[in-house]
Protein backbone atom coordinates (compact mmCIF):
# COMPACT_ATOMS: atom_id res chain seq x y z
CA UNK A 1 63.91 -21.33 15.29
CA UNK A 2 61.91 -19.45 12.74
CA UNK A 3 60.00 -16.37 13.86
CA UNK A 4 56.41 -15.81 13.22
CA UNK A 5 56.09 -12.67 11.12
CA UNK A 6 52.63 -11.09 11.43
CA UNK A 7 50.92 -10.19 8.27
CA UNK A 8 48.41 -7.59 7.70
CA UNK A 9 45.01 -8.70 6.03
CA UNK A 10 43.43 -6.14 3.95
CA UNK A 11 39.96 -5.35 4.75
CA UNK A 12 37.23 -6.47 2.33
CA UNK A 13 35.15 -4.09 0.24
CA UNK A 14 32.05 -4.65 2.36
CA UNK A 15 34.01 -3.80 5.76
CA UNK A 16 35.34 -0.63 4.14
CA UNK A 17 31.66 0.21 2.95
CA UNK A 18 30.25 -0.40 6.33
CA UNK A 19 32.85 1.84 7.90
CA UNK A 20 32.16 4.77 5.49
CA UNK A 21 28.34 4.32 6.31
CA UNK A 22 29.05 4.51 10.01
CA UNK A 23 30.95 7.60 9.56
CA UNK A 24 28.07 9.24 7.55
CA UNK A 25 25.18 10.55 9.83
CA UNK A 26 22.81 11.18 7.20
CA UNK A 27 22.99 7.58 5.99
CA UNK A 28 22.82 6.17 9.48
CA UNK A 29 19.49 8.21 10.12
CA UNK A 30 18.07 7.30 6.84
CA UNK A 31 18.85 3.75 7.44
CA UNK A 32 17.02 3.79 10.89
CA UNK A 33 13.93 5.40 9.12
CA UNK A 34 13.99 2.59 6.36
CA UNK A 35 14.55 -0.09 8.94
CA UNK A 36 11.53 1.27 10.97
CA UNK A 37 9.27 1.04 7.87
CA UNK A 38 10.40 -2.36 7.11
CA UNK A 39 9.72 -3.35 10.80
CA UNK A 40 6.16 -1.87 10.43
CA UNK A 41 5.69 -3.71 7.45
CA UNK A 42 6.56 -6.90 8.92
CA UNK A 43 4.41 -6.38 12.08
CA UNK A 44 1.49 -5.47 10.01
CA UNK A 45 1.91 -8.38 7.73
CA UNK A 46 1.91 -10.70 10.84
CA UNK A 47 -1.38 -9.07 12.21
CA UNK A 48 0.33 -7.81 15.35
CA UNK A 49 -0.65 -4.06 14.50
CA UNK A 50 -3.31 -2.59 12.26
CA UNK A 51 -5.13 -5.94 12.15
CA UNK A 52 -8.57 -4.32 12.58
CA UNK A 53 -7.88 -1.32 10.01
CA UNK A 54 -11.27 -2.10 8.35
CA UNK A 55 -13.35 -1.41 11.47
CA UNK A 56 -15.59 1.54 11.57
CA UNK A 57 -14.53 2.98 14.90
CA UNK A 58 -15.54 6.65 14.35
CA UNK A 59 -18.03 8.84 12.81
CA UNK A 60 -17.83 9.59 8.92
CA UNK A 61 -14.98 11.91 8.17
CA UNK A 62 -13.89 11.94 11.86
CA UNK A 63 -11.30 14.80 12.40
CA UNK A 64 -8.04 14.49 13.94
CA UNK A 65 -7.96 14.52 17.81
CA UNK A 66 -5.63 17.66 17.80
CA UNK A 67 -8.01 19.51 15.46
CA UNK A 68 -10.99 18.96 17.76
CA UNK A 69 -14.49 17.41 17.14
CA UNK A 70 -16.34 18.63 14.00
CA UNK A 71 -19.51 20.76 14.76
CA UNK A 72 -21.24 19.16 11.85
CA UNK A 73 -20.85 15.70 13.25
CA UNK A 74 -22.88 16.42 16.36
CA UNK A 75 -26.38 14.99 16.09
CA UNK A 76 -29.20 17.62 15.36
CA UNK A 77 -31.77 18.28 18.03
CA UNK A 78 -35.16 16.59 17.41
CA UNK A 79 -37.66 18.79 15.61
CA UNK A 80 -40.96 19.69 16.76
CA UNK A 81 -43.78 17.44 15.27
CA UNK A 82 -45.55 19.00 12.22
CA UNK A 83 -49.25 20.01 12.40
CA UNK A 84 -51.60 17.16 11.90
CA UNK A 85 -48.79 14.54 12.54
CA UNK A 86 -49.59 11.76 15.00
CA UNK A 87 -48.46 12.72 18.34
CA UNK A 88 -46.48 10.15 20.36
CA UNK A 89 -47.62 8.93 23.60
CA UNK A 90 -46.02 9.08 27.20
CA UNK A 91 -43.41 6.36 26.14
CA UNK A 92 -42.19 8.39 23.38
CA UNK A 93 -43.38 5.86 20.69
CA UNK A 94 -45.63 6.99 17.73
CA UNK A 95 -48.63 4.74 17.41
CA UNK A 96 -48.98 2.66 14.14
CA UNK A 97 -51.94 3.70 12.16
CA UNK A 98 -53.12 1.74 9.15
CA UNK A 99 -55.07 4.18 6.51
CA UNK A 100 -56.47 1.13 4.67
CA UNK A 101 -58.26 -0.27 7.91
CA UNK A 102 -61.73 0.79 6.99
CA UNK A 103 -61.50 -0.36 3.52
CA UNK A 104 -60.20 -3.75 4.37
CA UNK A 105 -62.91 -3.93 6.92
CA UNK A 106 -65.61 -2.97 4.36
CA UNK A 107 -64.32 -5.67 1.88
CA UNK A 108 -64.50 -8.38 4.44
CA UNK A 109 -68.09 -7.38 5.22
CA UNK A 110 -67.04 -6.25 8.90
CA UNK A 111 -68.79 -3.28 10.60
CA UNK A 112 -66.94 -0.04 10.04
CA UNK A 113 -64.76 1.03 12.90
CA UNK A 114 -65.16 4.21 14.75
CA UNK A 115 -63.20 7.05 13.28
CA UNK A 116 -60.20 7.57 15.62
CA UNK A 117 -56.68 8.83 15.07
CA UNK A 118 -55.49 6.09 17.33
CA UNK A 119 -56.53 2.36 17.39
CA UNK A 120 -57.91 1.23 20.64
CA UNK A 121 -56.73 -1.88 22.47
CA UNK A 122 -60.05 -3.61 22.02
CA UNK A 123 -59.99 -3.04 18.13
CA UNK A 124 -56.46 -4.66 17.97
CA UNK A 125 -53.37 -2.97 17.31
CA UNK A 126 -51.71 -5.38 14.96
CA UNK A 127 -52.49 -3.48 11.80
CA UNK A 128 -48.89 -3.06 10.26
CA UNK A 129 -47.49 -6.59 9.18
CA UNK A 130 -43.89 -5.03 9.60
CA UNK A 131 -44.23 -3.52 12.91
CA UNK A 132 -42.84 -6.36 14.79
CA UNK A 133 -39.83 -6.68 12.49
CA UNK A 134 -39.04 -3.03 12.46
CA UNK A 135 -39.30 -2.92 16.18
CA UNK A 136 -36.81 -5.82 16.54
CA UNK A 137 -34.26 -4.21 14.13
CA UNK A 138 -34.54 -0.98 16.08
CA UNK A 139 -34.07 -2.89 19.33
CA UNK A 140 -30.90 -4.43 18.10
CA UNK A 141 -29.66 -1.23 16.66
CA UNK A 142 -30.05 0.40 19.99
CA UNK A 143 -28.20 -2.32 21.66
CA UNK A 144 -25.26 -2.17 19.18
CA UNK A 145 -25.03 1.53 19.57
CA UNK A 146 -24.93 1.20 23.20
CA UNK A 147 -22.24 -1.44 23.22
CA UNK A 148 -19.97 0.40 20.72
CA UNK A 149 -20.42 4.01 20.15
CA UNK A 150 -18.42 5.62 17.31
CA UNK A 151 -16.07 8.32 18.31
CA UNK A 152 -16.32 11.86 17.22
CA UNK A 153 -12.40 12.13 16.79
CA UNK A 154 -9.67 9.93 15.95
CA UNK A 155 -5.76 10.33 16.44
CA UNK A 156 -5.17 11.27 12.79
CA UNK A 157 -8.72 11.30 11.68
CA UNK A 158 -11.05 8.91 9.82
CA UNK A 159 -12.19 8.23 6.35
CA UNK A 160 -15.57 8.49 4.86
CA UNK A 161 -16.57 5.12 6.57
CA UNK A 162 -15.13 6.01 9.93
CA UNK A 163 -11.99 3.92 9.71
CA UNK A 164 -8.90 5.11 11.49
CA UNK A 165 -6.55 6.67 9.03
CA UNK A 166 -3.48 5.85 11.05
CA UNK A 167 -4.19 2.13 10.79
CA UNK A 168 -4.89 2.54 7.06
CA UNK A 169 -1.38 4.26 6.64
CA UNK A 170 0.31 1.31 8.45
CA UNK A 171 -1.67 -1.18 6.58
CA UNK A 172 -1.02 0.62 3.24
CA UNK A 173 2.68 0.75 4.01
CA UNK A 174 2.60 -3.26 4.11
CA UNK A 175 1.31 -3.18 0.52
CA UNK A 176 3.31 -0.37 -1.08
CA UNK A 177 6.64 -1.50 0.43
CA UNK A 178 6.03 -5.15 -0.44
CA UNK A 179 5.38 -4.39 -3.95
CA UNK A 180 8.23 -2.31 -4.32
CA UNK A 181 10.67 -4.56 -2.73
CA UNK A 182 9.25 -7.79 -4.63
CA UNK A 183 9.10 -6.01 -8.05
CA UNK A 184 12.63 -4.81 -7.50
CA UNK A 185 13.92 -8.21 -6.75
CA UNK A 186 12.22 -9.43 -9.97
CA UNK A 187 13.55 -6.68 -12.19
CA UNK A 188 17.12 -6.84 -10.69
CA UNK A 189 17.25 -10.59 -11.21
CA UNK A 190 16.20 -10.49 -14.86
CA UNK A 191 18.43 -7.56 -15.57
CA UNK A 192 21.46 -9.20 -13.99
CA UNK A 193 20.93 -12.50 -15.54
CA UNK A 194 20.30 -10.87 -19.26
CA UNK A 195 23.20 -8.54 -18.65
CA UNK A 196 25.46 -11.29 -17.73
CA UNK A 197 24.68 -13.52 -20.61
CA UNK A 198 24.70 -10.75 -23.17
CA UNK A 199 28.02 -9.14 -21.85
CA UNK A 200 29.74 -12.43 -21.31
CA UNK A 201 28.79 -14.43 -24.44
CA UNK A 202 28.37 -11.45 -27.07
CA UNK A 203 27.76 -12.19 -30.56
CA UNK A 204 24.24 -13.30 -31.57
CA UNK A 205 23.00 -13.39 -27.97
CA UNK A 206 24.03 -9.96 -27.45
CA UNK A 207 22.14 -8.81 -30.39
CA UNK A 208 18.88 -10.45 -29.32
CA UNK A 209 19.07 -8.92 -25.72
CA UNK A 210 20.01 -5.51 -27.21
CA UNK A 211 16.94 -5.70 -29.48
CA UNK A 212 14.79 -6.46 -26.57
CA UNK A 213 16.39 -3.56 -24.63
CA UNK A 214 15.94 -1.16 -27.52
CA UNK A 215 12.26 -1.97 -27.84
CA UNK A 216 11.42 -1.59 -24.04
CA UNK A 217 13.29 1.53 -23.89
CA UNK A 218 11.65 3.11 -26.97
CA UNK A 219 8.43 3.27 -25.22
CA UNK A 220 7.90 5.70 -22.21
CA UNK A 221 8.01 3.85 -19.00
CA UNK A 222 4.86 5.09 -17.56
CA UNK A 223 2.86 4.43 -20.79
CA UNK A 224 4.39 0.96 -20.92
CA UNK A 225 3.30 -0.13 -17.55
CA UNK A 226 -0.19 1.44 -17.96
CA UNK A 227 -0.58 -0.53 -21.24
CA UNK A 228 0.59 -3.67 -19.52
CA UNK A 229 -1.81 -3.28 -16.77
CA UNK A 230 -4.77 -2.36 -19.20
CA UNK A 231 -4.01 -5.56 -21.26
CA UNK A 232 -3.81 -7.80 -18.03
CA UNK A 233 -7.18 -6.32 -16.71
CA UNK A 234 -6.68 -8.12 -13.42
CA UNK A 235 -6.19 -6.14 -10.31
CA UNK A 236 -4.04 -7.58 -7.65
CA UNK A 237 -0.69 -7.46 -5.79
CA UNK A 238 0.87 -10.17 -7.72
CA UNK A 239 -0.07 -8.53 -10.96
CA UNK A 240 1.37 -5.15 -10.11
CA UNK A 241 4.66 -6.94 -9.10
CA UNK A 242 4.77 -8.77 -12.48
CA UNK A 243 4.05 -5.42 -14.28
CA UNK A 244 6.75 -3.51 -12.62
CA UNK A 245 9.28 -6.48 -12.60
CA UNK A 246 8.84 -7.52 -16.24
CA UNK A 247 9.17 -3.63 -17.39
CA UNK A 248 11.80 -2.36 -15.20
CA UNK A 249 14.79 -4.64 -15.85
CA UNK A 250 16.34 -2.41 -18.73
CA UNK A 251 18.50 -0.07 -16.44
CA UNK A 252 19.99 -3.03 -14.49
CA UNK A 253 20.71 -4.84 -17.75
CA UNK A 254 22.75 -2.00 -19.36
CA UNK A 255 25.07 -1.58 -16.41
CA UNK A 256 25.43 -5.26 -15.76
CA UNK A 257 26.29 -5.81 -19.42
CA UNK A 258 28.92 -3.14 -19.44
CA UNK A 259 30.53 -4.66 -16.18
CA UNK A 260 30.79 -8.23 -17.71
CA UNK A 261 32.07 -6.64 -21.01
CA UNK A 262 34.92 -5.06 -18.75
CA UNK A 263 35.54 -8.00 -16.48
CA UNK A 264 35.32 -11.00 -18.89
CA UNK A 265 38.92 -10.17 -20.23
CA UNK A 266 40.70 -9.50 -16.95
CA UNK A 267 43.43 -11.80 -15.66
CA UNK A 268 41.51 -13.42 -12.87
CA UNK A 269 38.88 -14.71 -15.34
CA UNK A 270 41.37 -15.96 -17.67
CA UNK A 271 43.22 -17.74 -14.85
CA UNK A 272 39.77 -19.43 -14.05
CA UNK A 273 39.50 -20.34 -17.62
CA UNK A 274 42.96 -21.91 -17.54
CA UNK A 275 42.16 -24.17 -14.66
CA UNK A 276 39.04 -25.37 -16.14
CA UNK A 277 36.23 -23.43 -14.62
CA UNK A 278 32.94 -23.40 -16.69
CA UNK A 279 31.34 -20.54 -18.08
CA UNK A 280 28.54 -20.43 -15.47
CA UNK A 281 31.12 -20.58 -12.69
CA UNK A 282 33.15 -17.80 -14.17
CA UNK A 283 30.00 -15.63 -14.75
CA UNK A 284 28.57 -16.01 -11.25
CA UNK A 285 31.39 -17.25 -9.01
CA UNK A 286 34.23 -15.16 -10.33
CA UNK A 287 32.85 -12.05 -11.95
CA UNK A 288 29.48 -11.55 -10.03
CA UNK A 289 31.12 -10.96 -6.49
CA UNK A 290 33.16 -8.17 -8.10
CA UNK A 291 30.21 -6.23 -9.30
CA UNK A 292 27.62 -7.08 -6.62
CA UNK A 293 27.79 -3.57 -5.44
CA UNK A 294 26.32 -2.42 -8.48
CA UNK A 295 23.50 -4.94 -8.26
CA UNK A 296 22.97 -3.87 -4.66
CA UNK A 297 22.78 0.05 -5.46
CA UNK A 298 20.30 -0.92 -8.34
CA UNK A 299 18.14 -2.75 -6.21
CA UNK A 300 17.74 0.06 -3.82
CA UNK A 301 17.19 2.47 -6.45
CA UNK A 302 14.39 0.44 -8.17
CA UNK A 303 12.79 -0.21 -4.76
CA UNK A 304 12.31 3.51 -4.51
CA UNK A 305 11.00 3.85 -8.10
CA UNK A 306 8.63 1.10 -7.83
CA UNK A 307 7.14 2.16 -4.58
CA UNK A 308 6.22 5.36 -6.33
CA UNK A 309 5.05 3.54 -9.46
CA UNK A 310 2.68 1.50 -7.36
CA UNK A 311 1.17 4.66 -5.79
CA UNK A 312 0.63 6.02 -9.30
CA UNK A 313 -0.96 2.80 -10.47
CA UNK A 314 -3.23 2.59 -7.56
CA UNK A 315 -4.10 6.34 -7.88
CA UNK A 316 -5.24 5.88 -11.36
CA UNK A 317 -7.28 2.90 -10.70
CA UNK A 318 -4.93 0.15 -12.17
CA UNK A 319 -3.47 -0.94 -8.87
CA UNK A 320 -4.49 -2.93 -5.91
CA UNK A 321 -8.26 -4.19 -5.76
CA UNK A 322 -10.71 -2.38 -3.51
CA UNK A 323 -10.44 -4.66 -0.55
CA UNK A 324 -6.72 -4.20 -0.24
CA UNK A 325 -5.44 -0.59 1.09
CA UNK A 326 -2.13 0.93 -0.15
CA UNK A 327 -0.92 4.56 -0.17
CA UNK A 328 -1.98 4.96 -3.74
CA UNK A 329 -5.65 3.92 -3.00
CA UNK A 330 -5.54 6.20 -0.07
CA UNK A 331 -4.53 9.05 -2.24
CA UNK A 332 -7.26 8.06 -4.65
CA UNK A 333 -9.84 8.43 -1.96
CA UNK A 334 -8.29 11.60 -0.61
CA UNK A 335 -8.93 13.46 -3.85
CA UNK A 336 -12.68 13.36 -3.47
CA UNK A 337 -12.28 14.15 0.50
CA UNK A 338 -10.52 17.41 -0.39
CA UNK A 339 -13.54 18.94 -2.09
CA UNK A 340 -15.28 18.49 1.26
CA UNK A 341 -12.31 19.86 3.17
CA UNK A 342 -11.02 16.77 4.54
CA UNK A 343 -7.29 16.64 4.42
CA UNK A 344 -6.07 14.31 6.80
CA UNK A 345 -6.06 11.08 4.89
CA UNK A 346 -3.97 12.87 1.95
CA UNK A 347 -1.68 14.29 4.70
CA UNK A 348 -1.08 10.90 6.35
CA UNK A 349 -0.54 8.96 3.09
CA UNK A 350 1.69 11.66 1.64
CA UNK A 351 3.69 12.22 4.53
CA UNK A 352 4.53 8.63 5.04
CA UNK A 353 5.41 8.04 1.41
CA UNK A 354 7.41 11.22 1.26
CA UNK A 355 9.41 10.26 4.44
CA UNK A 356 10.15 6.65 3.25
CA UNK A 357 11.10 7.64 -0.24
CA UNK A 358 13.30 10.52 0.88
CA UNK A 359 15.16 8.21 3.41
CA UNK A 360 15.53 5.45 0.92
CA UNK A 361 17.08 7.86 -1.70
CA UNK A 362 19.48 9.16 0.71
CA UNK A 363 20.49 6.01 1.83
CA UNK A 364 21.07 4.73 -1.67
CA UNK A 365 23.27 7.71 -2.44
CA UNK A 366 25.27 6.85 0.59
CA UNK A 367 25.51 3.22 -0.37
CA UNK A 368 26.60 4.04 -3.89
CA UNK A 369 29.33 6.14 -2.63
CA UNK A 370 30.50 3.75 0.18
CA UNK A 371 30.63 0.80 -2.40
CA UNK A 372 32.67 2.82 -4.87
CA UNK A 373 36.12 1.17 -4.92
CA UNK A 374 37.77 4.33 -6.07
CA UNK A 375 36.82 6.00 -2.88
CA UNK A 376 39.27 5.38 0.07
């Protein structure tokens, strides 16, 4: 009776990479921070948090709670009435006096009224046609202030409209992270497809893609995206994604082209050709899984780069529209607030962006090392 001989199964590249990531404490902490930001983006996008970010809940430039209320935001005491000004009655209301009452009475042929600083009840008090409207507006404003009084401090401060900076930062992360991820997916997809076709087929197709690559890389990247943004002249999240995605594929193209040039002559690709596999199947079923780690690393690198690019575009006024908040638009507002000594919006947006970019960069470096087949 034959014996069952146990055979060892070699772990895959992804299993080995995950084990290396688990052993790297910096990578796991960075992954936890990135996951927290992604979760915050999803909760903000679904409206579970920071839904009322545009609500004016505090006074103008409300300072952070840990800094205490600003003395300038306190309401000044009512000043004493100037000499010759009409005095208020016991109820605190200033009587309405029409300086043209005598002239209108003379035109109508009525007897001139007795000179008095206050109109009597017998002569009629309806001398201002807007008195009732203004009284109604004032009464509504008083009721609104009684229902919702603006706070003098907020947890992380308020902007010039009294909106909570903490909620704006959370809502801004939704825009910045989504733009970075979506633009990175577009650029990685284009670079992978172009690089695969150029490296696999070669000849005249390779010459055409290399010519496009040379044109795009001959222009400084920041000037290129600013030029495209100025030509489009249409602000919006989709516009920024297209600008960054259509101009950022060159780095991925160069790496993927080199990988396909290296892999297309190997034995497993020639064996696939011998059994009748088509060119598309050889490109994306046989070769692509062996270079997918390069694509994943480039996707992570581009996400970080595009988050910073979105911040720069919004800061320069080429980014998101006015009704959309992002970290770049917050930094754009903060440059004017610094003149007044209001630093909390700059600190909130800058700290959030620096924390995410640093964590994402450290995780990308650890991921690149973990996916390197030469490391064991």
